[in-house]
PDB file of N, CA and C in Angstrom:
ATOM      1  N   THR A   1       0.850  -1.202  -0.033  1.00  0.00           N
ATOM      2  CA  THR A   1       0.013   0.036   0.017  1.00  0.00           C
ATOM      3  C   THR A   1       0.859   1.217   0.001  1.00  0.00           C
ATOM      4  N   ASN A   2       0.258   2.321  -0.284  1.00  0.00           N
ATOM      5  CA  ASN A   2       0.973   3.655  -0.266  1.00  0.00           C
ATOM      6  C   ASN A   2       1.488   3.932   1.127  1.00  0.00           C
ATOM      7  N   ASP A   3       0.718   3.580   2.138  1.00  0.00           N
ATOM      8  CA  ASP A   3       1.063   3.841   3.543  1.00  0.00           C
ATOM      9  C   ASP A   3       2.406   3.027   3.901  1.00  0.00           C
ATOM     10  N   GLU A   4       2.410   1.790   3.354  1.00  0.00           N
ATOM     11  CA  GLU A   4       3.571   0.970   3.631  1.00  0.00           C
ATOM     12  C   GLU A   4       4.842   1.514   2.908  1.00  0.00           C
ATOM     13  N   LYS A   5       4.624   2.041   1.778  1.00  0.00           N
ATOM     14  CA  LYS A   5       5.760   2.564   0.983  1.00  0.00           C
ATOM     15  C   LYS A   5       6.339   3.845   1.686  1.00  0.00           C
ATOM     16  N   LEU A   6       5.394   4.695   2.182  1.00  0.00           N
ATOM     17  CA  LEU A   6       5.739   5.912   2.899  1.00  0.00           C
ATOM     18  C   LEU A   6       6.494   5.569   4.188  1.00  0.00           C
ATOM     19  N   TYR A   7       5.977   4.549   4.855  1.00  0.00           N
ATOM     20  CA  TYR A   7       6.606   4.031   6.150  1.00  0.00           C
ATOM     21  C   TYR A   7       8.029   3.562   5.895  1.00  0.00           C
ATOM     22  N   ARG A   8       8.214   2.790   4.827  1.00  0.00           N
ATOM     23  CA  ARG A   8       9.569   2.317   4.545  1.00  0.00           C
ATOM     24  C   ARG A   8      10.528   3.443   4.173  1.00  0.00           C
ATOM     25  N   GLN A   9      10.039   4.400   3.461  1.00  0.00           N
ATOM     26  CA  GLN A   9      10.840   5.624   3.095  1.00  0.00           C
ATOM     27  C   GLN A   9      11.182   6.376   4.354  1.00  0.00           C
ATOM     28  N   PHE A  10      10.247   6.507   5.276  1.00  0.00           N
ATOM     29  CA  PHE A  10      10.480   7.222   6.501  1.00  0.00           C
ATOM     30  C   PHE A  10      11.581   6.480   7.326  1.00  0.00           C
ATOM     31  N   LEU A  11      11.484   5.190   7.455  1.00  0.00           N
ATOM     32  CA  LEU A  11      12.508   4.387   8.169  1.00  0.00           C
ATOM     33  C   LEU A  11      13.857   4.575   7.492  1.00  0.00           C
ATOM     34  N   ALA A  12      13.887   4.547   6.093  1.00  0.00           N
ATOM     35  CA  ALA A  12      15.172   4.626   5.487  1.00  0.00           C
ATOM     36  C   ALA A  12      15.767   5.936   5.725  1.00  0.00           C
ATOM     37  N   GLU A  13      15.031   7.080   5.764  1.00  0.00           N
ATOM     38  CA  GLU A  13      15.541   8.343   6.088  1.00  0.00           C
ATOM     39  C   GLU A  13      16.075   8.426   7.529  1.00  0.00           C
ATOM     40  N   LEU A  14      15.267   7.890   8.452  1.00  0.00           N
ATOM     41  CA  LEU A  14      15.727   7.859   9.872  1.00  0.00           C
ATOM     42  C   LEU A  14      17.016   7.090  10.045  1.00  0.00           C
ATOM     43  N   SER A  15      17.163   5.968   9.358  1.00  0.00           N
ATOM     44  CA  SER A  15      18.283   5.103   9.556  1.00  0.00           C
ATOM     45  C   SER A  15      19.604   5.722   9.045  1.00  0.00           C
ATOM     46  N   LYS A  16      19.506   6.802   8.267  1.00  0.00           N
ATOM     47  CA  LYS A  16      20.648   7.476   7.842  1.00  0.00           C
ATOM     48  C   LYS A  16      21.349   8.217   9.002  1.00  0.00           C
ATOM     49  N   ASP A  17      20.623   8.592   9.974  1.00  0.00           N
ATOM     50  CA  ASP A  17      21.169   9.326  11.118  1.00  0.00           C
ATOM     51  C   ASP A  17      21.133   8.542  12.423  1.00  0.00           C
ATOM     52  N   PHE A  18      20.293   7.547  12.540  1.00  0.00           N
ATOM     53  CA  PHE A  18      20.103   6.751  13.780  1.00  0.00           C
ATOM     54  C   PHE A  18      20.163   5.327  13.535  1.00  0.00           C
ATOM     55  N   GLU A  19      20.629   4.593  14.538  1.00  0.00           N
ATOM     56  CA  GLU A  19      20.603   3.105  14.483  1.00  0.00           C
ATOM     57  C   GLU A  19      19.140   2.658  14.852  1.00  0.00           C
ATOM     58  N   LEU A  20      18.511   1.977  13.998  1.00  0.00           N
ATOM     59  CA  LEU A  20      17.146   1.479  14.245  1.00  0.00           C
ATOM     60  C   LEU A  20      17.018   0.001  14.352  1.00  0.00           C
ATOM     61  N   SER A  21      16.022  -0.419  15.082  1.00  0.00           N
ATOM     62  CA  SER A  21      15.637  -1.837  15.200  1.00  0.00           C
ATOM     63  C   SER A  21      14.182  -1.916  15.311  1.00  0.00           C
ATOM     64  N   ASP A  22      13.582  -2.830  14.571  1.00  0.00           N
ATOM     65  CA  ASP A  22      12.096  -3.030  14.694  1.00  0.00           C
ATOM     66  C   ASP A  22      11.829  -4.143  15.613  1.00  0.00           C
ATOM     67  N   GLN A  23      11.250  -3.887  16.803  1.00  0.00           N
ATOM     68  CA  GLN A  23      10.995  -4.863  17.787  1.00  0.00           C
ATOM     69  C   GLN A  23       9.451  -5.056  17.872  1.00  0.00           C
ATOM     70  N   GLY A  24       8.761  -4.781  16.968  1.00  0.00           N
ATOM     71  CA  GLY A  24       7.317  -4.974  16.927  1.00  0.00           C
ATOM     72  C   GLY A  24       6.522  -3.857  17.558  1.00  0.00           C
ATOM     73  N   LYS A  25       5.305  -4.196  17.925  1.00  0.00           N
ATOM     74  CA  LYS A  25       4.386  -3.176  18.534  1.00  0.00           C
ATOM     75  C   LYS A  25       4.907  -2.766  19.940  1.00  0.00           C
ATOM     76  N   VAL A  26       4.930  -1.494  20.170  1.00  0.00           N
ATOM     77  CA  VAL A  26       5.393  -0.941  21.428  1.00  0.00           C
ATOM     78  C   VAL A  26       4.252  -0.954  22.468  1.00  0.00           C
ATOM     79  N   ASN A  27       4.500  -1.436  23.643  1.00  0.00           N
ATOM     80  CA  ASN A  27       3.557  -1.422  24.770  1.00  0.00           C
ATOM     81  C   ASN A  27       4.039  -0.520  25.888  1.00  0.00           C
ATOM     82  N   TRP A  28       5.329  -0.486  26.080  1.00  0.00           N
ATOM     83  CA  TRP A  28       5.962   0.383  27.097  1.00  0.00           C
ATOM     84  C   TRP A  28       7.176   1.041  26.492  1.00  0.00           C
ATOM     85  N   TYR A  29       7.396   2.309  26.769  1.00  0.00           N
ATOM     86  CA  TYR A  29       8.553   3.069  26.336  1.00  0.00           C
ATOM     87  C   TYR A  29       8.951   4.003  27.400  1.00  0.00           C
ATOM     88  N   LEU A  30      10.175   3.863  27.938  1.00  0.00           N
ATOM     89  CA  LEU A  30      10.692   4.704  29.049  1.00  0.00           C
ATOM     90  C   LEU A  30       9.716   4.881  30.132  1.00  0.00           C
ATOM     91  N   GLY A  31       9.120   3.804  30.549  1.00  0.00           N
ATOM     92  CA  GLY A  31       8.174   3.816  31.765  1.00  0.00           C
ATOM     93  C   GLY A  31       6.808   4.400  31.387  1.00  0.00           C
ATOM     94  N   VAL A  32       6.478   4.573  30.130  1.00  0.00           N
ATOM     95  CA  VAL A  32       5.186   5.148  29.775  1.00  0.00           C
ATOM     96  C   VAL A  32       4.436   4.006  29.033  1.00  0.00           C
ATOM     97  N   SER A  33       3.184   3.765  29.427  1.00  0.00           N
ATOM     98  CA  SER A  33       2.367   2.846  28.701  1.00  0.00           C
ATOM     99  C   SER A  33       1.892   3.367  27.399  1.00  0.00           C
ATOM    100  N   VAL A  34       1.944   2.616  26.363  1.00  0.00           N
ATOM    101  CA  VAL A  34       1.604   3.018  25.005  1.00  0.00           C
ATOM    102  C   VAL A  34       0.482   2.121  24.491  1.00  0.00           C
ATOM    103  N   LYS A  35      -0.698   2.691  24.120  1.00  0.00           N
ATOM    104  CA  LYS A  35      -1.781   1.943  23.578  1.00  0.00           C
ATOM    105  C   LYS A  35      -2.143   2.561  22.225  1.00  0.00           C
ATOM    106  N   GLN A  36      -2.175   1.701  21.235  1.00  0.00           N
ATOM    107  CA  GLN A  36      -2.411   2.171  19.910  1.00  0.00           C
ATOM    108  C   GLN A  36      -3.755   1.650  19.381  1.00  0.00           C
ATOM    109  N   ASP A  37      -4.591   2.495  18.927  1.00  0.00           N
ATOM    110  CA  ASP A  37      -5.862   2.111  18.265  1.00  0.00           C
ATOM    111  C   ASP A  37      -5.767   2.443  16.829  1.00  0.00           C
ATOM    112  N   LEU A  38      -5.341   1.412  16.074  1.00  0.00           N
ATOM    113  CA  LEU A  38      -5.107   1.634  14.647  1.00  0.00           C
ATOM    114  C   LEU A  38      -6.360   1.978  13.841  1.00  0.00           C
ATOM    115  N   THR A  39      -7.497   1.450  14.313  1.00  0.00           N
ATOM    116  CA  THR A  39      -8.779   1.706  13.657  1.00  0.00           C
ATOM    117  C   THR A  39      -9.105   3.174  13.705  1.00  0.00           C
ATOM    118  N   ASN A  40      -8.988   3.743  14.837  1.00  0.00           N
ATOM    119  CA  ASN A  40      -9.333   5.231  15.055  1.00  0.00           C
ATOM    120  C   ASN A  40      -8.051   6.126  14.935  1.00  0.00           C
ATOM    121  N   HIS A  41      -6.963   5.574  14.529  1.00  0.00           N
ATOM    122  CA  HIS A  41      -5.721   6.406  14.359  1.00  0.00           C
ATOM    123  C   HIS A  41      -5.413   7.191  15.615  1.00  0.00           C
ATOM    124  N   CYS A  42      -5.366   6.509  16.707  1.00  0.00           N
ATOM    125  CA  CYS A  42      -5.171   7.167  18.058  1.00  0.00           C
ATOM    126  C   CYS A  42      -4.146   6.407  18.822  1.00  0.00           C
ATOM    127  N   THR A  43      -3.237   7.142  19.453  1.00  0.00           N
ATOM    128  CA  THR A  43      -2.234   6.617  20.339  1.00  0.00           C
ATOM    129  C   THR A  43      -2.392   7.290  21.683  1.00  0.00           C
ATOM    130  N   THR A  44      -2.486   6.420  22.745  1.00  0.00           N
ATOM    131  CA  THR A  44      -2.723   6.941  24.116  1.00  0.00           C
ATOM    132  C   THR A  44      -1.407   6.624  24.951  1.00  0.00           C
ATOM    133  N   LEU A  45      -0.915   7.629  25.595  1.00  0.00           N
ATOM    134  CA  LEU A  45       0.222   7.494  26.507  1.00  0.00           C
ATOM    135  C   LEU A  45      -0.284   7.627  27.938  1.00  0.00           C
ATOM    136  N   SER A  46       0.220   6.811  28.826  1.00  0.00           N
ATOM    137  CA  SER A  46      -0.270   6.864  30.202  1.00  0.00           C
ATOM    138  C   SER A  46       0.960   6.638  31.181  1.00  0.00           C
ATOM    139  N   GLN A  47       0.959   7.455  32.297  1.00  0.00           N
ATOM    140  CA  GLN A  47       1.908   7.220  33.352  1.00  0.00           C
ATOM    141  C   GLN A  47       1.259   6.745  34.621  1.00  0.00           C
ATOM    142  N   GLU A  48       0.102   6.097  34.443  1.00  0.00           N
ATOM    143  CA  GLU A  48      -0.665   5.649  35.568  1.00  0.00           C
ATOM    144  C   GLU A  48       0.174   4.750  36.489  1.00  0.00           C
ATOM    145  N   GLN A  49       0.839   3.732  35.922  1.00  0.00           N
ATOM    146  CA  GLN A  49       1.621   2.849  36.706  1.00  0.00           C
ATOM    147  C   GLN A  49       2.757   3.572  37.426  1.00  0.00           C
ATOM    148  N   TYR A  50       3.373   4.495  36.790  1.00  0.00           N
ATOM    149  CA  TYR A  50       4.425   5.298  37.432  1.00  0.00           C
ATOM    150  C   TYR A  50       3.878   5.998  38.665  1.00  0.00           C
ATOM    151  N   VAL A  51       2.757   6.624  38.537  1.00  0.00           N
ATOM    152  CA  VAL A  51       2.117   7.339  39.620  1.00  0.00           C
ATOM    153  C   VAL A  51       1.759   6.314  40.784  1.00  0.00           C
ATOM    154  N   LYS A  52       1.213   5.168  40.466  1.00  0.00           N
ATOM    155  CA  LYS A  52       0.932   4.195  41.464  1.00  0.00           C
ATOM    156  C   LYS A  52       2.194   3.759  42.174  1.00  0.00           C
ATOM    157  N   ASP A  53       3.354   3.549  41.452  1.00  0.00           N
ATOM    158  CA  ASP A  53       4.620   3.193  42.060  1.00  0.00           C
ATOM    159  C   ASP A  53       5.127   4.228  42.934  1.00  0.00           C
ATOM    160  N   VAL A  54       5.016   5.522  42.571  1.00  0.00           N
ATOM    161  CA  VAL A  54       5.463   6.616  43.443  1.00  0.00           C
ATOM    162  C   VAL A  54       4.668   6.658  44.727  1.00  0.00           C
ATOM    163  N   LEU A  55       3.324   6.581  44.565  1.00  0.00           N
ATOM    164  CA  LEU A  55       2.506   6.558  45.782  1.00  0.00           C
ATOM    165  C   LEU A  55       2.847   5.420  46.719  1.00  0.00           C
ATOM    166  N   GLU A  56       3.112   4.252  46.172  1.00  0.00           N
ATOM    167  CA  GLU A  56       3.504   3.125  46.992  1.00  0.00           C
ATOM    168  C   GLU A  56       4.852   3.392  47.674  1.00  0.00           C
ATOM    169  N   ARG A  57       5.822   3.872  46.915  1.00  0.00           N
ATOM    170  CA  ARG A  57       7.120   4.134  47.399  1.00  0.00           C
ATOM    171  C   ARG A  57       7.121   5.060  48.634  1.00  0.00           C
ATOM    172  N   PHE A  58       6.191   6.090  48.586  1.00  0.00           N
ATOM    173  CA  PHE A  58       6.112   7.045  49.713  1.00  0.00           C
ATOM    174  C   PHE A  58       4.983   6.707  50.656  1.00  0.00           C
ATOM    175  N   ARG A  59       4.498   5.461  50.592  1.00  0.00           N
ATOM    176  CA  ARG A  59       3.399   4.931  51.453  1.00  0.00           C
ATOM    177  C   ARG A  59       2.185   5.872  51.483  1.00  0.00           C
ATOM    178  N   MET A  60       1.783   6.267  50.271  1.00  0.00           N
ATOM    179  CA  MET A  60       0.635   7.155  50.167  1.00  0.00           C
ATOM    180  C   MET A  60      -0.505   6.544  49.438  1.00  0.00           C
ATOM    181  N   THR A  61      -0.501   5.227  49.260  1.00  0.00           N
ATOM    182  CA  THR A  61      -1.615   4.556  48.501  1.00  0.00           C
ATOM    183  C   THR A  61      -2.973   4.710  49.116  1.00  0.00           C
ATOM    184  N   GLY A  62      -3.022   5.019  50.385  1.00  0.00           N
ATOM    185  CA  GLY A  62      -4.297   5.158  51.072  1.00  0.00           C
ATOM    186  C   GLY A  62      -4.710   6.660  51.143  1.00  0.00           C
ATOM    187  N   ALA A  63      -3.951   7.531  50.452  1.00  0.00           N
ATOM    188  CA  ALA A  63      -4.251   9.008  50.494  1.00  0.00           C
ATOM    189  C   ALA A  63      -5.516   9.236  49.778  1.00  0.00           C
ATOM    190  N   THR A  64      -6.259  10.273  50.188  1.00  0.00           N
ATOM    191  CA  THR A  64      -7.520  10.638  49.607  1.00  0.00           C
ATOM    192  C   THR A  64      -7.279  11.591  48.421  1.00  0.00           C
ATOM    193  N   PRO A  65      -7.681  11.120  47.284  1.00  0.00           N
ATOM    194  CA  PRO A  65      -7.425  11.962  46.089  1.00  0.00           C
ATOM    195  C   PRO A  65      -8.326  13.177  46.052  1.00  0.00           C
ATOM    196  N   VAL A  66      -7.841  14.313  45.565  1.00  0.00           N
ATOM    197  CA  VAL A  66      -8.696  15.484  45.388  1.00  0.00           C
ATOM    198  C   VAL A  66      -8.282  16.111  44.026  1.00  0.00           C
ATOM    199  N   SER A  67      -9.229  16.782  43.440  1.00  0.00           N
ATOM    200  CA  SER A  67      -8.920  17.389  42.130  1.00  0.00           C
ATOM    201  C   SER A  67      -8.066  18.613  42.272  1.00  0.00           C
ATOM    202  N   THR A  68      -8.339  19.409  43.259  1.00  0.00           N
ATOM    203  CA  THR A  68      -7.550  20.646  43.583  1.00  0.00           C
ATOM    204  C   THR A  68      -7.499  20.709  45.080  1.00  0.00           C
ATOM    205  N   PRO A  69      -6.273  20.763  45.644  1.00  0.00           N
ATOM    206  CA  PRO A  69      -6.192  20.798  47.114  1.00  0.00           C
ATOM    207  C   PRO A  69      -6.701  21.966  47.778  1.00  0.00           C
ATOM    208  N   MET A  70      -6.892  23.120  47.091  1.00  0.00           N
ATOM    209  CA  MET A  70      -7.480  24.288  47.656  1.00  0.00           C
ATOM    210  C   MET A  70      -8.238  25.021  46.544  1.00  0.00           C
ATOM    211  N   GLU A  71      -9.067  25.990  46.893  1.00  0.00           N
ATOM    212  CA  GLU A  71      -9.823  26.734  45.893  1.00  0.00           C
ATOM    213  C   GLU A  71      -8.890  27.431  44.901  1.00  0.00           C
ATOM    214  N   ALA A  72      -9.176  27.288  43.626  1.00  0.00           N
ATOM    215  CA  ALA A  72      -8.414  27.890  42.618  1.00  0.00           C
ATOM    216  C   ALA A  72      -8.357  29.419  42.798  1.00  0.00           C
ATOM    217  N   ASN A  73      -7.242  30.043  42.451  1.00  0.00           N
ATOM    218  CA  ASN A  73      -7.019  31.504  42.518  1.00  0.00           C
ATOM    219  C   ASN A  73      -7.016  32.097  43.914  1.00  0.00           C
ATOM    220  N   THR A  74      -6.726  31.215  44.938  1.00  0.00           N
ATOM    221  CA  THR A  74      -6.636  31.694  46.320  1.00  0.00           C
ATOM    222  C   THR A  74      -5.356  32.416  46.490  1.00  0.00           C
ATOM    223  N   HIS A  75      -5.436  33.658  47.046  1.00  0.00           N
ATOM    224  CA  HIS A  75      -4.209  34.447  47.356  1.00  0.00           C
ATOM    225  C   HIS A  75      -3.848  34.299  48.763  1.00  0.00           C
ATOM    226  N   LEU A  76      -2.664  33.792  49.048  1.00  0.00           N
ATOM    227  CA  LEU A  76      -2.224  33.716  50.461  1.00  0.00           C
ATOM    228  C   LEU A  76      -1.507  34.984  50.857  1.00  0.00           C
ATOM    229  N   THR A  77      -1.731  35.281  52.219  1.00  0.00           N
ATOM    230  CA  THR A  77      -1.086  36.521  52.680  1.00  0.00           C
ATOM    231  C   THR A  77      -0.128  36.177  53.787  1.00  0.00           C
TER     232      THR A  77
END
């Protein structure tokens, strides 16, 4: 397909400057979860697991989540 040809050309150009390897579909990259929806042409990146790990490391897994810790635009004196 035309998309496949464009993809191969793109990889050829990148490989001129960078060492590349095709390891298949990416699920995790640098600690970030990667989910690809090829049907809807959408890629979602998530750091949810990283946040859970940080909360666990600092023993805050039982902390109560809040959207904003105080009223927005509050001026402290």
